[in-house]
């Protein structure tokens, strides 16, 4: 069953049992914008216990805050109760929240009887509308339709109070403004600038996830300009803020400084964009501010790749990225300059390069890097052609010689094994060893016992 149909069914069922119920939040906003909602939320005056009695296969993941998740029939979900929101409909009891000591969760939740009270505690006007799915009528107590039409992001009520309740809402303001290409209402923006330092109290995982959404949901460059203008950028990513004003050699970067180049590059990333690629693109030149120097011939950034790798890894650790994601992001920083030598590489070196894990991300970053600077795509096209004409078995051929083969030939196990096996593979990749016998003869000749 489709999520929207199931959400309608939930509303209808709750109403049949005598309760009030509506679609609410982002799904209403997206439906009014003729966009496909990512998920559906229902608001009701039924308590969590009453919702769970009506829908027994339910996860009380936030029952203390009035929230339960109802799995969509036919969609996969965890038997342990950790259901994915993409496979569930969130059903929340109308409520008002009292106090936010930790800057995220209400100190006290009071269930309400009316939707007017419920929407008053939500974040933005465009997310505060309710929809009756049975007649299509929109209930708008906060001016959400007006702000949708005016393309404005505005908090519901006092912006400082809304941000004090959950500091992450400041980053969400930026994300929605970038994603929808809306303006941020002046009082809302002023509150962000005033409270920017308080984003530090938000968990690093939540900051990471919100920044990832800014990077991957569209208009990332505008999102990062808004982060900068709102004073949030130096709080969440001071390493990116440090790129501002760092000049580059105009013959290679006519577009401007490192910050300008990086934001322009983000505009050339594909949509949708893998998170690791987006972060690798954001951080590919993060080592330049620390390595900037003016040489007699031109501006230089000696060692910026090595410095950038260390900075990128620290950022990934700080934001609690997984080990796999960290490795890929750092690899994108590490290898982005290697494309400059691609046309001069030996066939074996080139094939090893093209075998990098997630190489399409490396190639996509290179293309965006070129388009955001000199615009020359000759190397990109060369690599694309090599990939197209090289069969997988030539890129990753089965090894001709193993360690056991070397032992049988009289070689003692040790560090030399790796040198020998690498040399054999290089010759194989270059087409110089057609068989195992030829490979063993190569070993005996090049590496006498």
Protein backbone atom coordinates (compact mmCIF):
# COMPACT_ATOMS: atom_id res chain seq x y z
CA UNK A 1 0.00 0.00 0.00
CA UNK A 2 1.20 3.52 -0.81
CA UNK A 3 2.15 5.70 2.17
CA UNK A 4 -0.37 8.39 1.24
CA UNK A 5 -3.21 5.89 0.93
CA UNK A 6 -2.32 4.31 4.26
CA UNK A 7 -2.15 7.73 5.96
CA UNK A 8 -5.64 8.45 4.63
CA UNK A 9 -6.78 5.10 6.00
CA UNK A 10 -5.37 5.96 9.43
CA UNK A 11 -7.22 9.30 9.43
CA UNK A 12 -10.44 7.62 8.35
CA UNK A 13 -10.12 4.87 10.99
CA UNK A 14 -9.42 7.33 13.80
CA UNK A 15 -12.43 9.39 12.79
CA UNK A 16 -14.62 6.31 12.70
CA UNK A 17 -13.60 5.72 16.33
CA UNK A 18 -14.73 9.22 17.25
CA UNK A 19 -11.40 11.02 17.17
CA UNK A 20 -10.20 14.10 15.32
CA UNK A 21 -7.39 13.45 12.82
CA UNK A 22 -5.59 15.24 9.97
CA UNK A 23 -2.50 14.99 7.83
CA UNK A 24 0.03 17.49 9.16
CA UNK A 25 3.45 19.01 8.60
CA UNK A 26 5.84 18.53 5.70
CA UNK A 27 3.56 16.20 3.77
CA UNK A 28 0.87 18.91 3.61
CA UNK A 29 3.45 21.46 2.49
CA UNK A 30 4.73 19.14 -0.24
CA UNK A 31 1.26 18.23 -1.46
CA UNK A 32 0.40 21.93 -1.78
CA UNK A 33 3.64 22.41 -3.74
CA UNK A 34 2.76 19.42 -5.96
CA UNK A 35 5.82 17.56 -4.71
CA UNK A 36 5.97 13.91 -3.69
CA UNK A 37 6.18 13.80 0.14
CA UNK A 38 8.98 11.68 1.58
CA UNK A 39 6.75 10.53 4.42
CA UNK A 40 3.37 11.20 5.99
CA UNK A 41 2.43 12.38 9.47
CA UNK A 42 -0.98 12.29 11.13
CA UNK A 43 -2.05 14.50 14.05
CA UNK A 44 -4.93 13.41 16.28
CA UNK A 45 -6.52 13.96 19.66
CA UNK A 46 -6.29 10.21 20.34
CA UNK A 47 -3.65 9.44 22.99
CA UNK A 48 -0.76 7.10 22.20
CA UNK A 49 -2.46 4.33 24.17
CA UNK A 50 -5.65 4.78 22.15
CA UNK A 51 -3.73 4.82 18.86
CA UNK A 52 -1.91 1.61 19.82
CA UNK A 53 -5.19 -0.02 20.78
CA UNK A 54 -6.63 0.76 17.35
CA UNK A 55 -3.45 -0.20 15.46
CA UNK A 56 -1.85 -3.08 17.43
CA UNK A 57 1.19 -3.41 15.12
CA UNK A 58 2.59 -0.10 16.31
CA UNK A 59 5.94 1.18 17.59
CA UNK A 60 5.81 3.48 20.61
CA UNK A 61 9.16 5.09 19.78
CA UNK A 62 8.16 8.45 21.25
CA UNK A 63 5.04 7.71 23.22
CA UNK A 64 6.17 9.94 26.07
CA UNK A 65 6.03 12.81 23.56
CA UNK A 66 2.78 11.57 22.04
CA UNK A 67 4.33 9.89 18.99
CA UNK A 68 3.86 6.35 17.67
CA UNK A 69 4.79 4.82 14.33
CA UNK A 70 2.34 2.67 12.38
CA UNK A 71 4.00 0.39 9.77
CA UNK A 72 2.72 0.59 6.23
CA UNK A 73 1.31 -2.81 5.21
CA UNK A 74 3.65 -4.67 2.92
CA UNK A 75 6.65 -2.48 3.77
CA UNK A 76 9.68 -3.94 5.60
CA UNK A 77 10.06 -2.99 9.25
CA UNK A 78 12.07 -4.14 12.23
CA UNK A 79 10.68 -6.76 14.57
CA UNK A 80 12.57 -5.03 17.37
CA UNK A 81 10.52 -1.90 16.93
CA UNK A 82 13.14 0.25 15.24
CA UNK A 83 10.95 0.91 12.23
CA UNK A 84 12.22 3.16 9.48
CA UNK A 85 10.14 6.32 9.09
CA UNK A 86 10.14 5.76 5.33
CA UNK A 87 8.14 2.57 5.94
CA UNK A 88 5.78 3.98 8.56
CA UNK A 89 3.25 6.73 9.18
CA UNK A 90 3.91 8.84 12.27
CA UNK A 91 0.82 9.41 14.38
CA UNK A 92 1.20 12.20 16.96
CA UNK A 93 -1.23 13.30 19.63
CA UNK A 94 -2.14 16.99 19.67
CA UNK A 95 0.05 18.52 22.36
CA UNK A 96 1.63 21.62 23.83
CA UNK A 97 5.21 21.53 25.08
CA UNK A 98 6.42 23.02 28.35
CA UNK A 99 10.09 24.03 28.66
CA UNK A 100 13.12 22.77 26.72
CA UNK A 101 15.98 22.53 29.21
CA UNK A 102 18.17 20.41 26.92
CA UNK A 103 17.47 22.47 23.79
CA UNK A 104 15.79 19.56 22.07
CA UNK A 105 13.16 17.70 24.12
CA UNK A 106 10.26 19.29 26.00
CA UNK A 107 10.50 19.06 29.80
CA UNK A 108 6.78 18.37 29.91
CA UNK A 109 4.22 17.37 27.31
CA UNK A 110 0.55 18.19 27.77
CA UNK A 111 -1.86 16.54 25.40
CA UNK A 112 -4.31 18.95 23.78
CA UNK A 113 -7.78 18.57 22.41
CA UNK A 114 -7.52 20.89 19.43
CA UNK A 115 -5.23 21.10 16.41
CA UNK A 116 -4.81 24.85 16.95
CA UNK A 117 -2.83 24.20 20.14
CA UNK A 118 -0.76 21.52 18.44
CA UNK A 119 0.45 23.55 15.47
CA UNK A 120 1.40 26.48 17.70
CA UNK A 121 4.41 24.51 19.02
CA UNK A 122 5.69 23.41 15.58
CA UNK A 123 8.70 24.94 13.82
CA UNK A 124 7.79 26.84 10.62
CA UNK A 125 4.57 28.21 9.21
CA UNK A 126 4.96 26.20 6.01
CA UNK A 127 5.17 23.04 8.15
CA UNK A 128 2.26 24.01 10.41
CA UNK A 129 -0.73 23.33 8.19
CA UNK A 130 -3.23 20.47 8.46
CA UNK A 131 -5.05 18.76 5.62
CA UNK A 132 -8.36 16.93 5.72
CA UNK A 133 -7.68 14.09 3.24
CA UNK A 134 -11.37 13.34 2.88
CA UNK A 135 -12.40 16.73 1.48
CA UNK A 136 -9.05 18.35 0.63
CA UNK A 137 -9.63 21.27 3.00
CA UNK A 138 -6.50 22.89 4.50
CA UNK A 139 -6.60 24.11 8.10
CA UNK A 140 -4.12 26.95 8.40
CA UNK A 141 -3.90 28.63 11.80
CA UNK A 142 -0.36 30.01 11.33
CA UNK A 143 -0.27 31.66 7.89
CA UNK A 144 1.50 28.79 6.18
CA UNK A 145 -0.33 29.14 2.85
CA UNK A 146 0.52 32.84 2.74
CA UNK A 147 4.22 32.11 3.31
CA UNK A 148 4.22 29.30 0.75
CA UNK A 149 2.87 31.70 -1.84
CA UNK A 150 5.34 34.42 -0.80
CA UNK A 151 8.21 31.85 -0.72
CA UNK A 152 9.19 32.70 2.86
CA UNK A 153 10.58 30.62 5.73
CA UNK A 154 9.17 31.96 9.00
CA UNK A 155 9.01 30.42 12.44
CA UNK A 156 5.66 29.95 14.11
CA UNK A 157 5.48 32.58 16.86
CA UNK A 158 8.58 34.09 18.43
CA UNK A 159 11.67 32.86 16.52
CA UNK A 160 13.99 33.04 19.53
CA UNK A 161 11.61 30.82 21.48
CA UNK A 162 11.31 28.35 18.61
CA UNK A 163 15.09 28.12 18.27
CA UNK A 164 15.59 27.88 22.03
CA UNK A 165 13.30 24.84 22.02
CA UNK A 166 15.47 23.05 19.47
CA UNK A 167 18.67 24.71 18.26
CA UNK A 168 18.82 22.42 15.24
CA UNK A 169 15.91 24.39 13.82
CA UNK A 170 18.42 27.06 12.82
CA UNK A 171 20.07 24.60 10.44
CA UNK A 172 16.65 23.41 9.29
CA UNK A 173 15.80 27.02 8.41
CA UNK A 174 18.82 27.11 6.12
CA UNK A 175 17.97 23.74 4.59
CA UNK A 176 14.39 24.69 3.72
CA UNK A 177 15.43 28.10 2.38
CA UNK A 178 18.05 26.49 0.14
CA UNK A 179 15.97 23.50 -0.93
CA UNK A 180 12.88 25.54 -1.89
CA UNK A 181 14.82 28.68 -2.90
CA UNK A 182 12.83 30.73 -0.37
CA UNK A 183 13.80 33.83 1.58
CA UNK A 184 14.19 33.72 5.35
CA UNK A 185 11.87 36.17 7.12
CA UNK A 186 13.98 39.00 8.67
CA UNK A 187 13.04 38.41 12.32
CA UNK A 188 13.73 34.69 11.90
CA UNK A 189 17.10 35.42 10.31
CA UNK A 190 18.05 37.93 13.02
CA UNK A 191 17.27 35.35 15.69
CA UNK A 192 19.54 32.86 13.93
CA UNK A 193 22.41 35.35 13.89
CA UNK A 194 21.86 36.14 17.56
CA UNK A 195 21.68 32.50 18.68
CA UNK A 196 24.16 30.94 16.25
CA UNK A 197 26.68 30.01 18.95
CA UNK A 198 24.04 27.91 20.69
CA UNK A 199 24.14 25.37 17.85
CA UNK A 200 27.12 23.94 19.74
CA UNK A 201 24.80 22.23 22.23
CA UNK A 202 23.23 20.08 19.48
CA UNK A 203 24.61 16.57 19.18
CA UNK A 204 27.22 16.14 16.49
CA UNK A 205 25.23 13.39 14.83
CA UNK A 206 22.18 15.65 14.40
CA UNK A 207 24.37 18.47 13.03
CA UNK A 208 26.01 16.01 10.61
CA UNK A 209 22.68 14.73 9.34
CA UNK A 210 21.29 18.23 8.82
CA UNK A 211 24.43 19.41 7.01
CA UNK A 212 24.25 16.31 4.84
CA UNK A 213 20.70 17.21 3.88
CA UNK A 214 21.79 20.75 3.01
CA UNK A 215 24.51 19.25 0.81
CA UNK A 216 22.32 16.71 -0.96
CA UNK A 217 18.76 18.08 -1.20
CA UNK A 218 19.54 20.77 -3.75
CA UNK A 219 20.98 24.30 -3.93
CA UNK A 220 23.82 23.40 -1.55
CA UNK A 221 25.85 26.45 -2.49
CA UNK A 222 23.03 28.76 -1.42
CA UNK A 223 22.69 26.75 1.75
CA UNK A 224 26.32 27.34 2.64
CA UNK A 225 26.08 31.03 1.83
CA UNK A 226 23.16 31.22 4.25
CA UNK A 227 25.16 29.33 6.86
CA UNK A 228 27.89 31.92 6.42
CA UNK A 229 25.56 34.94 6.50
CA UNK A 230 23.71 33.64 9.56
CA UNK A 231 26.99 33.13 11.50
CA UNK A 232 26.31 29.38 11.76
CA UNK A 233 29.13 28.29 9.45
CA UNK A 234 32.06 29.09 11.78
CA UNK A 235 30.20 27.27 14.56
CA UNK A 236 29.54 24.02 12.69
CA UNK A 237 32.36 23.96 10.11
CA UNK A 238 35.06 26.52 10.94
CA UNK A 239 37.35 24.77 8.46
CA UNK A 240 35.03 25.80 5.60
CA UNK A 241 34.68 29.33 6.95
CA UNK A 242 38.49 29.54 6.87
CA UNK A 243 38.40 29.23 3.07
CA UNK A 244 36.92 32.71 2.70
CA UNK A 245 39.38 35.20 1.24
CA UNK A 246 42.06 32.58 0.49
CA UNK A 247 43.17 33.65 -2.98
CA UNK A 248 44.00 31.21 -5.76
CA UNK A 249 46.16 31.53 -8.91
CA UNK A 250 43.84 33.20 -11.46
CA UNK A 251 45.29 31.23 -14.37
CA UNK A 252 43.83 28.05 -12.85
CA UNK A 253 40.99 29.52 -10.79
CA UNK A 254 39.50 32.57 -12.50
CA UNK A 255 36.33 32.08 -10.45
CA UNK A 256 37.81 33.42 -7.20
CA UNK A 257 38.96 32.32 -3.77
CA UNK A 258 38.79 28.83 -2.27
CA UNK A 259 35.38 29.44 -0.69
CA UNK A 260 33.89 30.73 -3.94
CA UNK A 261 35.37 27.78 -5.86
CA UNK A 262 34.06 25.22 -3.38
CA UNK A 263 30.52 26.60 -3.39
CA UNK A 264 30.52 26.82 -7.18
CA UNK A 265 31.68 23.21 -7.36
CA UNK A 266 28.70 22.12 -5.26
CA UNK A 267 26.41 23.47 -7.99
CA UNK A 268 27.90 20.98 -10.46
CA UNK A 269 27.22 17.88 -8.36
CA UNK A 270 24.50 15.52 -9.60
CA UNK A 271 21.06 15.34 -8.03
CA UNK A 272 20.47 13.15 -6.15
CA UNK A 273 24.02 13.16 -4.83
CA UNK A 274 25.64 10.46 -2.66
CA UNK A 275 26.43 11.87 0.77
CA UNK A 276 30.09 10.83 0.63
CA UNK A 277 30.55 12.57 -2.73
CA UNK A 278 28.93 15.75 -1.42
CA UNK A 279 31.17 15.82 1.65
CA UNK A 280 34.25 14.95 -0.41
CA UNK A 281 33.43 17.85 -2.72
CA UNK A 282 32.95 20.22 0.21
CA UNK A 283 36.27 19.18 1.77
CA UNK A 284 38.44 18.54 -1.30
CA UNK A 285 40.39 21.82 -0.84
CA UNK A 286 40.05 22.08 2.93
CA UNK A 287 43.86 21.96 3.24
CA UNK A 288 44.43 25.10 1.16
CA UNK A 289 44.03 27.79 3.85
CA UNK A 290 46.79 26.21 5.96
CA UNK A 291 49.18 25.80 3.01
CA UNK A 292 48.67 29.12 1.19
CA UNK A 293 51.86 30.91 0.14
CA UNK A 294 52.81 33.42 -2.51
CA UNK A 295 55.79 32.08 -4.49
CA UNK A 296 57.80 34.12 -7.04
CA UNK A 297 55.88 32.56 -9.91
CA UNK A 298 52.37 32.24 -8.46
CA UNK A 299 50.22 31.39 -5.47
CA UNK A 300 50.91 27.87 -4.27
CA UNK A 301 49.38 25.34 -1.86
CA UNK A 302 52.23 22.90 -1.32
CA UNK A 303 51.06 19.75 0.44
CA UNK A 304 47.44 20.84 0.61
CA UNK A 305 46.22 17.33 -0.20
CA UNK A 306 48.05 15.71 2.71
CA UNK A 307 46.98 18.49 5.08
CA UNK A 308 43.44 18.31 3.73
CA UNK A 309 43.25 14.57 4.34
CA UNK A 310 44.11 15.06 8.01
CA UNK A 311 41.60 17.90 8.40
CA UNK A 312 38.88 15.94 6.60
CA UNK A 313 39.42 12.93 8.83
CA UNK A 314 39.19 15.10 11.96
CA UNK A 315 35.95 16.63 10.70
CA UNK A 316 34.50 13.19 9.97
CA UNK A 317 35.49 11.98 13.42
CA UNK A 318 34.05 15.08 15.05
CA UNK A 319 30.74 14.61 13.25
CA UNK A 320 30.66 10.87 14.01
CA UNK A 321 30.76 9.56 10.45
CA UNK A 322 31.02 5.80 10.03
CA UNK A 323 34.44 4.37 9.28
CA UNK A 324 33.43 3.45 5.72
CA UNK A 325 32.07 6.94 4.98
CA UNK A 326 35.13 8.56 6.53
CA UNK A 327 37.45 6.43 4.40
CA UNK A 328 35.62 7.39 1.21
CA UNK A 329 35.45 11.10 2.03
CA UNK A 330 39.17 11.18 2.87
CA UNK A 331 39.94 9.19 -0.30
CA UNK A 332 38.11 11.79 -2.40
CA UNK A 333 40.34 14.48 -0.87
CA UNK A 334 43.44 12.30 -1.30
CA UNK A 335 43.01 11.51 -4.98
CA UNK A 336 41.38 14.62 -6.45
CA UNK A 337 44.72 16.01 -7.71
CA UNK A 338 45.84 12.73 -9.32
CA UNK A 339 43.67 13.38 -12.36
CA UNK A 340 46.22 15.99 -13.49
CA UNK A 341 48.68 13.14 -14.24
CA UNK A 342 46.15 10.67 -15.65
CA UNK A 343 47.14 11.12 -19.30
CA UNK A 344 50.80 10.52 -18.40
CA UNK A 345 50.25 7.41 -16.28
CA UNK A 346 51.55 4.01 -17.32
CA UNK A 347 48.71 1.66 -18.29
CA UNK A 348 49.16 -0.31 -15.06
CA UNK A 349 49.11 2.84 -12.93
CA UNK A 350 46.04 4.14 -14.74
CA UNK A 351 44.15 0.87 -14.30
CA UNK A 352 44.97 0.79 -10.59
CA UNK A 353 43.70 4.37 -10.35
CA UNK A 354 40.45 3.48 -12.11
CA UNK A 355 40.01 0.58 -9.68
CA UNK A 356 39.69 2.88 -6.68
CA UNK A 357 36.68 2.08 -4.48
CA UNK A 358 33.65 4.07 -5.67
CA UNK A 359 35.67 5.49 -8.56
CA UNK A 360 32.58 7.08 -10.20
CA UNK A 361 32.47 9.47 -7.23
CA UNK A 362 36.11 10.44 -7.85
CA UNK A 363 35.40 11.05 -11.53
CA UNK A 364 32.26 13.06 -10.79
CA UNK A 365 34.19 15.22 -8.31
CA UNK A 366 36.91 15.79 -10.92
CA UNK A 367 34.35 16.92 -13.49
CA UNK A 368 32.73 19.34 -11.05
CA UNK A 369 36.17 20.61 -9.98
CA UNK A 370 37.03 21.41 -13.60
CA UNK A 371 33.71 23.06 -14.35
CA UNK A 372 34.06 25.22 -11.24
CA UNK A 373 37.51 26.46 -12.31
CA UNK A 374 39.20 26.34 -15.72
CA UNK A 375 36.39 24.45 -17.49
CA UNK A 376 38.73 22.05 -19.35
CA UNK A 377 37.18 18.56 -19.44
CA UNK A 378 39.84 16.88 -21.58
CA UNK A 379 41.08 14.66 -18.76
CA UNK A 380 37.54 13.82 -17.71
CA UNK A 381 36.72 12.71 -21.24
CA UNK A 382 39.96 10.72 -21.48
CA UNK A 383 39.11 8.82 -18.29
CA UNK A 384 35.50 8.27 -19.36
CA UNK A 385 36.73 6.83 -22.66
CA UNK A 386 39.21 4.54 -20.89
CA UNK A 387 36.48 3.22 -18.63
CA UNK A 388 34.17 2.62 -21.57
CA UNK A 389 36.70 0.69 -23.66
CA UNK A 390 38.42 -1.35 -20.93
CA UNK A 391 36.66 -4.62 -20.03
CA UNK A 392 36.37 -5.52 -16.37
CA UNK A 393 38.63 -8.55 -16.82
CA UNK A 394 41.40 -6.26 -18.10
CA UNK A 395 40.87 -3.83 -15.23
CA UNK A 396 40.87 -6.55 -12.57
CA UNK A 397 42.47 -9.65 -14.10
CA UNK A 398 42.79 -12.86 -12.10
CA UNK A 399 46.30 -13.02 -10.53
CA UNK A 400 48.81 -15.05 -12.53
CA UNK A 401 51.09 -15.74 -9.57
CA UNK A 402 50.34 -16.30 -5.87
CA UNK A 403 52.45 -16.39 -2.72
CA UNK A 404 52.30 -20.19 -2.81
CA UNK A 405 53.73 -20.12 -6.34
CA UNK A 406 56.64 -18.00 -5.11
CA UNK A 407 57.34 -20.41 -2.24
CA UNK A 408 57.40 -23.32 -4.69
CA UNK A 409 59.93 -21.35 -6.74
CA UNK A 410 62.20 -21.10 -3.71
CA UNK A 411 61.36 -17.59 -2.47
CA UNK A 412 61.19 -17.08 1.28
CA UNK A 413 58.03 -15.37 2.58
CA UNK A 414 58.57 -11.75 3.59
CA UNK A 415 58.16 -8.11 2.54
CA UNK A 416 59.70 -8.92 -0.85
CA UNK A 417 56.59 -10.93 -1.75
CA UNK A 418 54.49 -7.80 -2.06
CA UNK A 419 57.10 -6.15 -4.31
CA UNK A 420 57.22 -9.21 -6.58
CA UNK A 421 53.46 -9.67 -6.78
CA UNK A 422 52.93 -5.97 -7.51
CA UNK A 423 55.53 -6.09 -10.29
CA UNK A 424 53.81 -9.13 -11.81
CA UNK A 425 50.44 -7.41 -11.67
CA UNK A 426 51.86 -4.25 -13.27
CA UNK A 427 53.27 -6.28 -16.17
CA UNK A 428 49.99 -8.17 -16.47
CA UNK A 429 47.96 -4.94 -16.55
CA UNK A 430 50.24 -3.64 -19.28
CA UNK A 431 49.64 -6.76 -21.39
CA UNK A 432 53.20 -8.09 -21.14
CA UNK A 433 52.38 -11.40 -19.42
CA UNK A 434 49.96 -13.60 -21.36
CA UNK A 435 50.21 -16.67 -19.09
CA UNK A 436 51.28 -18.04 -15.74
CA UNK A 437 54.41 -19.57 -17.26
CA UNK A 438 55.38 -16.17 -18.67
CA UNK A 439 54.74 -14.59 -15.27
CA UNK A 440 56.98 -17.12 -13.47
CA UNK A 441 59.72 -16.59 -16.04
CA UNK A 442 59.37 -12.82 -15.46
CA UNK A 443 59.78 -13.37 -11.70
CA UNK A 444 62.90 -15.52 -12.13
CA UNK A 445 64.46 -12.95 -14.43
CA UNK A 446 63.55 -9.77 -12.52
CA UNK A 447 63.86 -11.15 -8.97
CA UNK A 448 66.56 -13.83 -8.84
CA UNK A 449 66.44 -16.01 -5.72
